[in-house]
Amino acid sequence: MGHIDKSVKKSLALIYFAAKRFFYKLRYPNVKTASDVAIKGSLIVKGNVRVNIGSGSRLGKKVTIYGCGDINIGSNVFLNGCCIGCQHSISIGDDCLISDCYIADSDYHNLEPLLRHSPPGEKVTAPIIIKRNVWVGARATIMKGVNVGEDSVIGLGSVVRKSVPPSVVVIGNPQQIVKHFNQ
């Protein structure tokens, strides 16, 4: 009897996630999800941002995505409460764990004092690449132009403004490498 209950629960879960994917497909035509993406929490998309979410990926708590760029999320990625701002390009590799952090490929304004009230210039935006099997901890910030190497960890509350090599743990503000994984 327990086996039947388990298979019924699994079937109901599959129907539930299919219904949520269908709802978000209607609500956000620029968001493409693989047929087995599980949206447990909610998804909020603002602007004209184009999003592709790969097979086996899961969205936990509320995920907010905004901007007008292109976001590619790999397979088997877990997004849990993150906020992603994309004016140009953000790529998240397969098997990543993205906690409730902030990822933005733009400053959204000019930094130079005389240009701050002018329309954003070319220096304002730079692509972000997060490679395979990266874990981004809670309240971390990944800023424009950063490339995070495969198998690395971005620790709780870190501010990452420079690229991170593969197989390391980075913490702090300013960021610092505190551990190297054996390769």
N, C-alpha and C. Protein backbone atom coordinates (compact mmCIF):
# COMPACT_ATOMS: atom_id res chain seq x y z
N MET A 1 0.81 -1.20 0.00
CA MET A 1 0.00 0.00 0.00
C MET A 1 0.86 1.27 0.00
N GLY A 2 1.97 1.27 0.77
CA GLY A 2 2.86 2.41 0.83
C GLY A 2 3.48 2.73 -0.53
N HIS A 3 3.76 1.69 -1.33
CA HIS A 3 4.34 1.89 -2.65
C HIS A 3 3.36 2.62 -3.57
N ILE A 4 2.10 2.31 -3.47
CA ILE A 4 1.09 2.98 -4.29
C ILE A 4 0.99 4.44 -3.90
N ASP A 5 0.99 4.71 -2.61
CA ASP A 5 0.92 6.09 -2.15
C ASP A 5 2.10 6.91 -2.67
N LYS A 6 3.28 6.30 -2.67
CA LYS A 6 4.48 6.99 -3.13
C LYS A 6 4.38 7.31 -4.62
N SER A 7 3.90 6.37 -5.42
CA SER A 7 3.79 6.61 -6.86
C SER A 7 2.70 7.64 -7.17
N VAL A 8 1.63 7.65 -6.39
CA VAL A 8 0.58 8.66 -6.56
C VAL A 8 1.14 10.04 -6.23
N LYS A 9 1.90 10.14 -5.14
CA LYS A 9 2.51 11.42 -4.77
C LYS A 9 3.46 11.91 -5.86
N LYS A 10 4.23 11.00 -6.41
CA LYS A 10 5.17 11.37 -7.46
C LYS A 10 4.42 11.86 -8.70
N SER A 11 3.34 11.17 -9.06
CA SER A 11 2.53 11.59 -10.21
C SER A 11 1.90 12.96 -9.99
N LEU A 12 1.39 13.18 -8.79
CA LEU A 12 0.80 14.48 -8.47
C LEU A 12 1.85 15.59 -8.50
N ALA A 13 3.06 15.30 -8.02
CA ALA A 13 4.14 16.29 -8.07
C ALA A 13 4.49 16.63 -9.51
N LEU A 14 4.56 15.63 -10.37
CA LEU A 14 4.87 15.88 -11.78
C LEU A 14 3.81 16.74 -12.44
N ILE A 15 2.55 16.48 -12.12
CA ILE A 15 1.45 17.28 -12.66
C ILE A 15 1.53 18.72 -12.14
N TYR A 16 1.81 18.86 -10.85
CA TYR A 16 1.94 20.18 -10.23
C TYR A 16 3.04 21.00 -10.90
N PHE A 17 4.24 20.41 -11.08
CA PHE A 17 5.34 21.14 -11.69
C PHE A 17 5.08 21.44 -13.16
N ALA A 18 4.40 20.55 -13.86
CA ALA A 18 4.03 20.81 -15.26
C ALA A 18 3.07 21.99 -15.33
N ALA A 19 2.12 22.07 -14.40
CA ALA A 19 1.16 23.17 -14.37
C ALA A 19 1.89 24.49 -14.09
N LYS A 20 2.85 24.47 -13.17
CA LYS A 20 3.60 25.70 -12.87
C LYS A 20 4.43 26.14 -14.07
N ARG A 21 5.08 25.19 -14.74
CA ARG A 21 5.85 25.54 -15.94
C ARG A 21 4.94 26.15 -17.00
N PHE A 22 3.76 25.58 -17.18
CA PHE A 22 2.80 26.10 -18.16
C PHE A 22 2.37 27.52 -17.78
N PHE A 23 2.08 27.75 -16.50
CA PHE A 23 1.69 29.08 -16.02
C PHE A 23 2.80 30.10 -16.31
N TYR A 24 4.04 29.76 -15.97
CA TYR A 24 5.14 30.69 -16.18
C TYR A 24 5.45 30.89 -17.66
N LYS A 25 5.21 29.87 -18.47
CA LYS A 25 5.39 30.01 -19.92
C LYS A 25 4.41 31.04 -20.49
N LEU A 26 3.18 31.01 -19.99
CA LEU A 26 2.18 31.99 -20.42
C LEU A 26 2.49 33.39 -19.87
N ARG A 27 2.89 33.43 -18.63
CA ARG A 27 3.14 34.72 -17.97
C ARG A 27 4.40 35.40 -18.49
N TYR A 28 5.45 34.63 -18.75
CA TYR A 28 6.74 35.17 -19.18
C TYR A 28 7.19 34.46 -20.46
N PRO A 29 6.77 34.93 -21.63
CA PRO A 29 7.12 34.27 -22.88
C PRO A 29 8.62 34.22 -23.17
N ASN A 30 9.42 35.09 -22.54
CA ASN A 30 10.87 35.10 -22.77
C ASN A 30 11.61 34.09 -21.90
N VAL A 31 10.89 33.35 -21.07
CA VAL A 31 11.51 32.34 -20.21
C VAL A 31 11.24 30.96 -20.82
N LYS A 32 12.31 30.24 -21.11
CA LYS A 32 12.21 28.89 -21.66
C LYS A 32 12.73 27.91 -20.61
N THR A 33 11.93 26.91 -20.29
CA THR A 33 12.35 25.90 -19.32
C THR A 33 12.32 24.53 -19.96
N ALA A 34 13.25 23.68 -19.56
CA ALA A 34 13.23 22.29 -20.00
C ALA A 34 11.98 21.63 -19.42
N SER A 35 11.59 20.51 -19.98
CA SER A 35 10.33 19.86 -19.62
C SER A 35 10.31 19.26 -18.22
N ASP A 36 11.46 19.22 -17.54
CA ASP A 36 11.48 18.64 -16.20
C ASP A 36 11.96 19.63 -15.13
N VAL A 37 11.93 20.93 -15.42
CA VAL A 37 12.30 21.94 -14.43
C VAL A 37 11.23 21.97 -13.34
N ALA A 38 11.67 21.99 -12.07
CA ALA A 38 10.75 22.01 -10.93
C ALA A 38 10.79 23.39 -10.27
N ILE A 39 9.67 24.10 -10.34
CA ILE A 39 9.56 25.41 -9.70
C ILE A 39 8.76 25.23 -8.43
N LYS A 40 9.47 25.12 -7.30
CA LYS A 40 8.81 24.89 -6.01
C LYS A 40 8.30 26.19 -5.42
N GLY A 41 9.11 27.24 -5.50
CA GLY A 41 8.74 28.55 -4.96
C GLY A 41 8.05 29.36 -6.04
N SER A 42 8.51 30.61 -6.20
CA SER A 42 7.93 31.46 -7.22
C SER A 42 9.03 32.05 -8.09
N LEU A 43 8.63 32.53 -9.24
CA LEU A 43 9.54 33.14 -10.20
C LEU A 43 8.95 34.49 -10.59
N ILE A 44 9.77 35.54 -10.44
CA ILE A 44 9.36 36.89 -10.85
C ILE A 44 10.35 37.34 -11.90
N VAL A 45 9.83 37.75 -13.07
CA VAL A 45 10.67 38.21 -14.17
C VAL A 45 10.20 39.60 -14.57
N LYS A 46 11.15 40.55 -14.60
CA LYS A 46 10.84 41.94 -14.96
C LYS A 46 11.70 42.36 -16.13
N GLY A 47 11.12 43.12 -17.04
CA GLY A 47 11.85 43.59 -18.21
C GLY A 47 11.77 42.60 -19.35
N ASN A 48 12.66 42.77 -20.31
CA ASN A 48 12.68 41.94 -21.52
C ASN A 48 13.76 40.87 -21.47
N VAL A 49 14.24 40.55 -20.30
CA VAL A 49 15.31 39.57 -20.16
C VAL A 49 14.88 38.23 -20.75
N ARG A 50 15.81 37.56 -21.44
CA ARG A 50 15.56 36.25 -22.03
C ARG A 50 16.28 35.21 -21.18
N VAL A 51 15.53 34.19 -20.75
CA VAL A 51 16.06 33.20 -19.80
C VAL A 51 15.85 31.81 -20.36
N ASN A 52 16.91 30.98 -20.33
CA ASN A 52 16.82 29.56 -20.67
C ASN A 52 17.25 28.77 -19.45
N ILE A 53 16.39 27.86 -18.99
CA ILE A 53 16.69 27.04 -17.81
C ILE A 53 16.76 25.59 -18.25
N GLY A 54 17.90 24.95 -17.95
CA GLY A 54 18.18 23.61 -18.42
C GLY A 54 17.50 22.50 -17.65
N SER A 55 17.60 21.31 -18.20
CA SER A 55 16.97 20.10 -17.69
C SER A 55 17.38 19.78 -16.25
N GLY A 56 16.42 19.36 -15.46
CA GLY A 56 16.67 18.93 -14.09
C GLY A 56 16.90 20.06 -13.11
N SER A 57 16.80 21.31 -13.56
CA SER A 57 17.02 22.44 -12.66
C SER A 57 15.82 22.65 -11.75
N ARG A 58 16.09 23.25 -10.58
CA ARG A 58 15.05 23.46 -9.58
C ARG A 58 15.11 24.88 -9.07
N LEU A 59 13.95 25.48 -8.85
CA LEU A 59 13.86 26.80 -8.26
C LEU A 59 13.18 26.64 -6.91
N GLY A 60 13.87 27.03 -5.85
CA GLY A 60 13.34 26.91 -4.50
C GLY A 60 12.54 28.14 -4.13
N LYS A 61 13.02 28.87 -3.13
CA LYS A 61 12.35 30.10 -2.70
C LYS A 61 12.22 31.07 -3.87
N LYS A 62 11.59 32.20 -3.64
CA LYS A 62 11.35 33.19 -4.69
C LYS A 62 12.64 33.55 -5.43
N VAL A 63 12.62 33.39 -6.74
CA VAL A 63 13.72 33.76 -7.62
C VAL A 63 13.27 34.96 -8.44
N THR A 64 14.07 36.04 -8.39
CA THR A 64 13.75 37.26 -9.13
C THR A 64 14.81 37.47 -10.20
N ILE A 65 14.34 37.72 -11.42
CA ILE A 65 15.23 37.95 -12.56
C ILE A 65 14.73 39.20 -13.27
N TYR A 66 15.66 40.11 -13.60
CA TYR A 66 15.24 41.33 -14.29
C TYR A 66 16.31 41.79 -15.25
N GLY A 67 15.92 42.70 -16.15
CA GLY A 67 16.86 43.29 -17.10
C GLY A 67 16.41 43.11 -18.53
N CYS A 68 17.39 43.19 -19.44
CA CYS A 68 17.08 43.07 -20.87
C CYS A 68 18.10 42.20 -21.60
N GLY A 69 18.92 41.47 -20.86
CA GLY A 69 19.96 40.64 -21.47
C GLY A 69 19.55 39.19 -21.64
N ASP A 70 20.56 38.33 -21.75
CA ASP A 70 20.36 36.89 -21.95
C ASP A 70 20.96 36.12 -20.79
N ILE A 71 20.15 35.26 -20.18
CA ILE A 71 20.61 34.40 -19.08
C ILE A 71 20.46 32.95 -19.51
N ASN A 72 21.57 32.21 -19.41
CA ASN A 72 21.54 30.78 -19.71
C ASN A 72 21.90 30.03 -18.44
N ILE A 73 20.97 29.20 -17.98
CA ILE A 73 21.14 28.41 -16.77
C ILE A 73 21.23 26.95 -17.20
N GLY A 74 22.29 26.29 -16.78
CA GLY A 74 22.56 24.93 -17.21
C GLY A 74 21.61 23.90 -16.63
N SER A 75 21.99 22.65 -16.75
CA SER A 75 21.20 21.52 -16.25
C SER A 75 21.53 21.25 -14.79
N ASN A 76 20.54 20.75 -14.06
CA ASN A 76 20.70 20.34 -12.67
C ASN A 76 21.21 21.47 -11.78
N VAL A 77 20.71 22.68 -12.01
CA VAL A 77 21.08 23.85 -11.22
C VAL A 77 19.98 24.08 -10.18
N PHE A 78 20.38 24.46 -8.97
CA PHE A 78 19.41 24.79 -7.92
C PHE A 78 19.52 26.28 -7.63
N LEU A 79 18.44 27.02 -7.93
CA LEU A 79 18.34 28.44 -7.62
C LEU A 79 17.41 28.58 -6.42
N ASN A 80 17.91 29.21 -5.36
CA ASN A 80 17.12 29.26 -4.13
C ASN A 80 17.09 30.67 -3.56
N GLY A 81 16.15 31.48 -4.02
CA GLY A 81 15.95 32.81 -3.47
C GLY A 81 16.89 33.87 -4.01
N CYS A 82 17.51 33.63 -5.14
CA CYS A 82 18.48 34.59 -5.68
C CYS A 82 17.79 35.70 -6.46
N CYS A 83 18.55 36.78 -6.65
CA CYS A 83 18.12 37.91 -7.46
C CYS A 83 19.18 38.09 -8.54
N ILE A 84 18.76 38.02 -9.81
CA ILE A 84 19.70 38.10 -10.93
C ILE A 84 19.30 39.27 -11.83
N GLY A 85 20.21 40.23 -11.95
CA GLY A 85 20.00 41.37 -12.84
C GLY A 85 20.90 41.25 -14.04
N CYS A 86 20.31 41.26 -15.23
CA CYS A 86 21.09 40.99 -16.45
C CYS A 86 20.77 42.02 -17.52
N GLN A 87 21.75 42.87 -17.80
CA GLN A 87 21.62 43.83 -18.89
C GLN A 87 22.27 43.31 -20.17
N HIS A 88 23.21 42.38 -20.05
CA HIS A 88 23.91 41.86 -21.23
C HIS A 88 23.90 40.34 -21.26
N SER A 89 24.71 39.69 -20.38
CA SER A 89 24.84 38.24 -20.47
C SER A 89 25.30 37.64 -19.15
N ILE A 90 24.57 36.61 -18.71
CA ILE A 90 24.96 35.83 -17.54
C ILE A 90 24.79 34.36 -17.91
N SER A 91 25.83 33.58 -17.60
CA SER A 91 25.81 32.15 -17.88
C SER A 91 26.11 31.40 -16.58
N ILE A 92 25.24 30.47 -16.23
CA ILE A 92 25.41 29.63 -15.05
C ILE A 92 25.54 28.20 -15.53
N GLY A 93 26.65 27.56 -15.21
CA GLY A 93 26.94 26.22 -15.70
C GLY A 93 26.12 25.13 -15.02
N ASP A 94 26.26 23.92 -15.51
CA ASP A 94 25.56 22.76 -14.96
C ASP A 94 25.95 22.51 -13.51
N ASP A 95 25.05 21.92 -12.75
CA ASP A 95 25.29 21.42 -11.40
C ASP A 95 25.61 22.50 -10.36
N CYS A 96 25.25 23.74 -10.61
CA CYS A 96 25.53 24.82 -9.66
C CYS A 96 24.46 24.91 -8.57
N LEU A 97 24.88 25.41 -7.41
CA LEU A 97 23.98 25.69 -6.29
C LEU A 97 24.05 27.20 -6.06
N ILE A 98 22.93 27.89 -6.29
CA ILE A 98 22.90 29.34 -6.18
C ILE A 98 21.93 29.71 -5.06
N SER A 99 22.48 30.14 -3.92
CA SER A 99 21.66 30.49 -2.75
C SER A 99 21.04 31.86 -2.93
N ASP A 100 20.47 32.38 -1.86
CA ASP A 100 19.83 33.69 -1.91
C ASP A 100 20.89 34.79 -1.96
N CYS A 101 21.43 34.97 -3.16
CA CYS A 101 22.51 35.91 -3.41
C CYS A 101 22.07 36.92 -4.45
N TYR A 102 22.99 37.80 -4.82
CA TYR A 102 22.71 38.83 -5.82
C TYR A 102 23.77 38.72 -6.92
N ILE A 103 23.31 38.58 -8.16
CA ILE A 103 24.20 38.47 -9.32
C ILE A 103 23.79 39.56 -10.30
N ALA A 104 24.72 40.46 -10.66
CA ALA A 104 24.37 41.55 -11.58
C ALA A 104 25.54 41.84 -12.51
N ASP A 105 25.25 41.87 -13.81
CA ASP A 105 26.29 42.12 -14.81
C ASP A 105 26.40 43.60 -15.17
N SER A 106 25.82 44.48 -14.36
CA SER A 106 25.82 45.91 -14.67
C SER A 106 25.87 46.74 -13.39
N ASP A 107 26.47 47.93 -13.52
CA ASP A 107 26.41 48.92 -12.44
C ASP A 107 25.12 49.73 -12.55
N TYR A 108 24.48 49.68 -13.72
CA TYR A 108 23.24 50.37 -14.04
C TYR A 108 23.38 51.89 -14.11
N HIS A 109 24.60 52.42 -13.92
CA HIS A 109 24.85 53.85 -14.06
C HIS A 109 26.36 54.04 -14.26
N ASN A 110 26.71 55.19 -14.78
CA ASN A 110 28.12 55.53 -14.96
C ASN A 110 28.74 55.84 -13.60
N LEU A 111 29.97 55.42 -13.41
CA LEU A 111 30.67 55.69 -12.15
C LEU A 111 31.37 57.05 -12.15
N GLU A 112 31.85 57.50 -13.31
CA GLU A 112 32.57 58.76 -13.39
C GLU A 112 31.66 59.90 -12.93
N PRO A 113 32.16 60.78 -12.04
CA PRO A 113 31.33 61.84 -11.47
C PRO A 113 30.60 62.70 -12.50
N LEU A 114 31.27 63.07 -13.59
CA LEU A 114 30.64 63.95 -14.57
C LEU A 114 29.62 63.24 -15.45
N LEU A 115 29.63 61.90 -15.43
CA LEU A 115 28.72 61.14 -16.30
C LEU A 115 27.59 60.45 -15.53
N ARG A 116 27.51 60.62 -14.22
CA ARG A 116 26.54 59.87 -13.41
C ARG A 116 25.10 60.10 -13.81
N HIS A 117 24.77 61.24 -14.33
CA HIS A 117 23.38 61.52 -14.72
C HIS A 117 23.16 61.34 -16.21
N SER A 118 24.17 60.84 -16.91
CA SER A 118 24.06 60.56 -18.35
C SER A 118 23.57 59.12 -18.55
N PRO A 119 23.07 58.81 -19.74
CA PRO A 119 22.70 57.41 -20.03
C PRO A 119 23.90 56.50 -19.84
N PRO A 120 23.68 55.26 -19.40
CA PRO A 120 24.78 54.34 -19.16
C PRO A 120 25.66 54.15 -20.39
N GLY A 121 26.97 54.16 -20.18
CA GLY A 121 27.94 53.96 -21.26
C GLY A 121 28.38 52.52 -21.35
N GLU A 122 29.38 52.27 -22.21
CA GLU A 122 29.81 50.90 -22.47
C GLU A 122 30.53 50.25 -21.30
N LYS A 123 31.10 51.02 -20.37
CA LYS A 123 31.81 50.45 -19.23
C LYS A 123 30.88 49.94 -18.13
N VAL A 124 29.61 50.19 -18.26
CA VAL A 124 28.65 49.88 -17.20
C VAL A 124 28.35 48.39 -17.10
N THR A 125 28.47 47.65 -18.19
CA THR A 125 28.07 46.24 -18.23
C THR A 125 29.21 45.35 -18.70
N ALA A 126 29.32 44.17 -18.08
CA ALA A 126 30.28 43.14 -18.54
C ALA A 126 29.70 41.77 -18.18
N PRO A 127 29.84 40.77 -19.06
CA PRO A 127 29.23 39.45 -18.83
C PRO A 127 29.75 38.75 -17.57
N ILE A 128 28.91 37.91 -17.02
CA ILE A 128 29.28 37.05 -15.89
C ILE A 128 29.21 35.61 -16.38
N ILE A 129 30.24 34.83 -16.03
CA ILE A 129 30.24 33.40 -16.34
C ILE A 129 30.51 32.64 -15.04
N ILE A 130 29.56 31.79 -14.68
CA ILE A 130 29.72 30.92 -13.52
C ILE A 130 29.81 29.51 -14.09
N LYS A 131 30.97 28.90 -13.93
CA LYS A 131 31.21 27.59 -14.56
C LYS A 131 30.56 26.45 -13.78
N ARG A 132 30.76 25.22 -14.21
CA ARG A 132 30.11 24.03 -13.68
C ARG A 132 30.43 23.79 -12.20
N ASN A 133 29.41 23.35 -11.47
CA ASN A 133 29.52 22.88 -10.09
C ASN A 133 30.02 23.95 -9.12
N VAL A 134 29.59 25.19 -9.31
CA VAL A 134 29.93 26.28 -8.40
C VAL A 134 28.82 26.39 -7.37
N TRP A 135 29.21 26.67 -6.14
CA TRP A 135 28.25 26.90 -5.05
C TRP A 135 28.41 28.35 -4.62
N VAL A 136 27.32 29.12 -4.74
CA VAL A 136 27.31 30.52 -4.32
C VAL A 136 26.50 30.61 -3.04
N GLY A 137 27.14 31.03 -1.95
CA GLY A 137 26.51 31.07 -0.64
C GLY A 137 25.54 32.24 -0.47
N ALA A 138 24.79 32.17 0.61
CA ALA A 138 23.78 33.18 0.93
C ALA A 138 24.40 34.57 1.06
N ARG A 139 23.65 35.55 0.61
CA ARG A 139 23.99 36.97 0.70
C ARG A 139 25.29 37.35 0.00
N ALA A 140 25.81 36.48 -0.85
CA ALA A 140 26.99 36.83 -1.65
C ALA A 140 26.54 37.74 -2.78
N THR A 141 27.50 38.50 -3.32
CA THR A 141 27.25 39.36 -4.47
C THR A 141 28.30 39.06 -5.52
N ILE A 142 27.86 38.78 -6.73
CA ILE A 142 28.78 38.58 -7.86
C ILE A 142 28.55 39.73 -8.83
N MET A 143 29.62 40.48 -9.08
CA MET A 143 29.51 41.71 -9.86
C MET A 143 29.95 41.51 -11.30
N LYS A 144 29.70 42.52 -12.12
CA LYS A 144 29.95 42.47 -13.56
C LYS A 144 31.37 42.04 -13.90
N GLY A 145 31.48 41.29 -15.00
CA GLY A 145 32.76 40.90 -15.54
C GLY A 145 33.45 39.74 -14.85
N VAL A 146 32.79 39.12 -13.88
CA VAL A 146 33.41 38.05 -13.11
C VAL A 146 33.23 36.71 -13.82
N ASN A 147 34.29 35.90 -13.76
CA ASN A 147 34.27 34.53 -14.25
C ASN A 147 34.61 33.65 -13.04
N VAL A 148 33.67 32.80 -12.63
CA VAL A 148 33.90 31.92 -11.47
C VAL A 148 34.26 30.54 -12.00
N GLY A 149 35.45 30.05 -11.63
CA GLY A 149 35.96 28.78 -12.13
C GLY A 149 35.19 27.58 -11.59
N GLU A 150 35.26 26.51 -12.35
CA GLU A 150 34.59 25.24 -12.05
C GLU A 150 34.94 24.75 -10.64
N ASP A 151 33.95 24.17 -9.96
CA ASP A 151 34.09 23.53 -8.65
C ASP A 151 34.42 24.50 -7.52
N SER A 152 34.29 25.80 -7.72
CA SER A 152 34.61 26.76 -6.67
C SER A 152 33.41 27.04 -5.78
N VAL A 153 33.69 27.65 -4.62
CA VAL A 153 32.66 28.03 -3.66
C VAL A 153 32.82 29.50 -3.35
N ILE A 154 31.71 30.24 -3.40
CA ILE A 154 31.68 31.64 -2.99
C ILE A 154 30.99 31.66 -1.63
N GLY A 155 31.72 32.03 -0.59
CA GLY A 155 31.22 31.94 0.78
C GLY A 155 30.18 32.97 1.12
N LEU A 156 29.50 32.72 2.22
CA LEU A 156 28.45 33.56 2.78
C LEU A 156 28.85 35.03 2.80
N GLY A 157 28.04 35.89 2.22
CA GLY A 157 28.23 37.33 2.28
C GLY A 157 29.41 37.89 1.51
N SER A 158 30.07 37.08 0.71
CA SER A 158 31.23 37.56 -0.04
C SER A 158 30.82 38.52 -1.13
N VAL A 159 31.73 39.46 -1.45
CA VAL A 159 31.53 40.36 -2.57
C VAL A 159 32.61 40.03 -3.59
N VAL A 160 32.19 39.48 -4.72
CA VAL A 160 33.13 39.00 -5.74
C VAL A 160 33.15 40.00 -6.89
N ARG A 161 34.29 40.69 -7.03
CA ARG A 161 34.42 41.67 -8.09
C ARG A 161 35.56 41.36 -9.04
N LYS A 162 36.29 40.27 -8.74
CA LYS A 162 37.36 39.80 -9.62
C LYS A 162 37.13 38.32 -9.90
N SER A 163 37.60 37.86 -11.03
CA SER A 163 37.40 36.46 -11.40
C SER A 163 38.02 35.50 -10.38
N VAL A 164 37.41 34.33 -10.26
CA VAL A 164 37.79 33.32 -9.27
C VAL A 164 38.32 32.10 -10.02
N PRO A 165 39.50 31.58 -9.62
CA PRO A 165 40.03 30.39 -10.29
C PRO A 165 39.20 29.15 -9.96
N PRO A 166 39.41 28.06 -10.68
CA PRO A 166 38.69 26.82 -10.39
C PRO A 166 39.14 26.20 -9.06
N SER A 167 38.24 25.45 -8.45
CA SER A 167 38.53 24.59 -7.29
C SER A 167 39.07 25.34 -6.08
N VAL A 168 38.46 26.48 -5.76
CA VAL A 168 38.86 27.22 -4.56
C VAL A 168 37.62 27.65 -3.77
N VAL A 169 37.86 28.06 -2.53
CA VAL A 169 36.83 28.69 -1.71
C VAL A 169 37.23 30.14 -1.54
N VAL A 170 36.30 31.04 -1.86
CA VAL A 170 36.52 32.48 -1.74
C VAL A 170 35.56 33.02 -0.69
N ILE A 171 36.07 33.87 0.21
CA ILE A 171 35.21 34.51 1.20
C ILE A 171 35.58 35.97 1.32
N GLY A 172 34.69 36.75 1.91
CA GLY A 172 35.01 38.09 2.35
C GLY A 172 34.75 39.22 1.38
N ASN A 173 35.05 40.41 1.90
CA ASN A 173 34.97 41.66 1.16
C ASN A 173 36.10 42.55 1.66
N PRO A 174 37.21 42.64 0.94
CA PRO A 174 37.42 42.11 -0.41
C PRO A 174 37.59 40.59 -0.39
N GLN A 175 37.29 40.00 -1.52
CA GLN A 175 37.36 38.54 -1.63
C GLN A 175 38.78 38.04 -1.42
N GLN A 176 38.89 36.87 -0.82
CA GLN A 176 40.19 36.22 -0.66
C GLN A 176 40.01 34.71 -0.75
N ILE A 177 41.00 34.06 -1.30
CA ILE A 177 40.98 32.59 -1.39
C ILE A 177 41.43 32.03 -0.06
N VAL A 178 40.61 31.15 0.54
CA VAL A 178 40.96 30.56 1.82
C VAL A 178 41.19 29.05 1.75
N LYS A 179 40.87 28.45 0.60
CA LYS A 179 41.05 27.01 0.48
C LYS A 179 41.19 26.64 -0.99
N HIS A 180 42.07 25.68 -1.25
CA HIS A 180 42.22 25.08 -2.58
C HIS A 180 41.80 23.62 -2.47
N PHE A 181 40.94 23.17 -3.39
CA PHE A 181 40.56 21.76 -3.41
C PHE A 181 41.60 21.00 -4.21
N ASN A 182 41.92 19.78 -3.77
CA ASN A 182 42.85 18.94 -4.53
C ASN A 182 42.22 18.59 -5.85
N GLN A 183 42.99 18.68 -6.89
CA GLN A 183 42.44 18.42 -8.22
C GLN A 183 42.87 17.07 -8.73
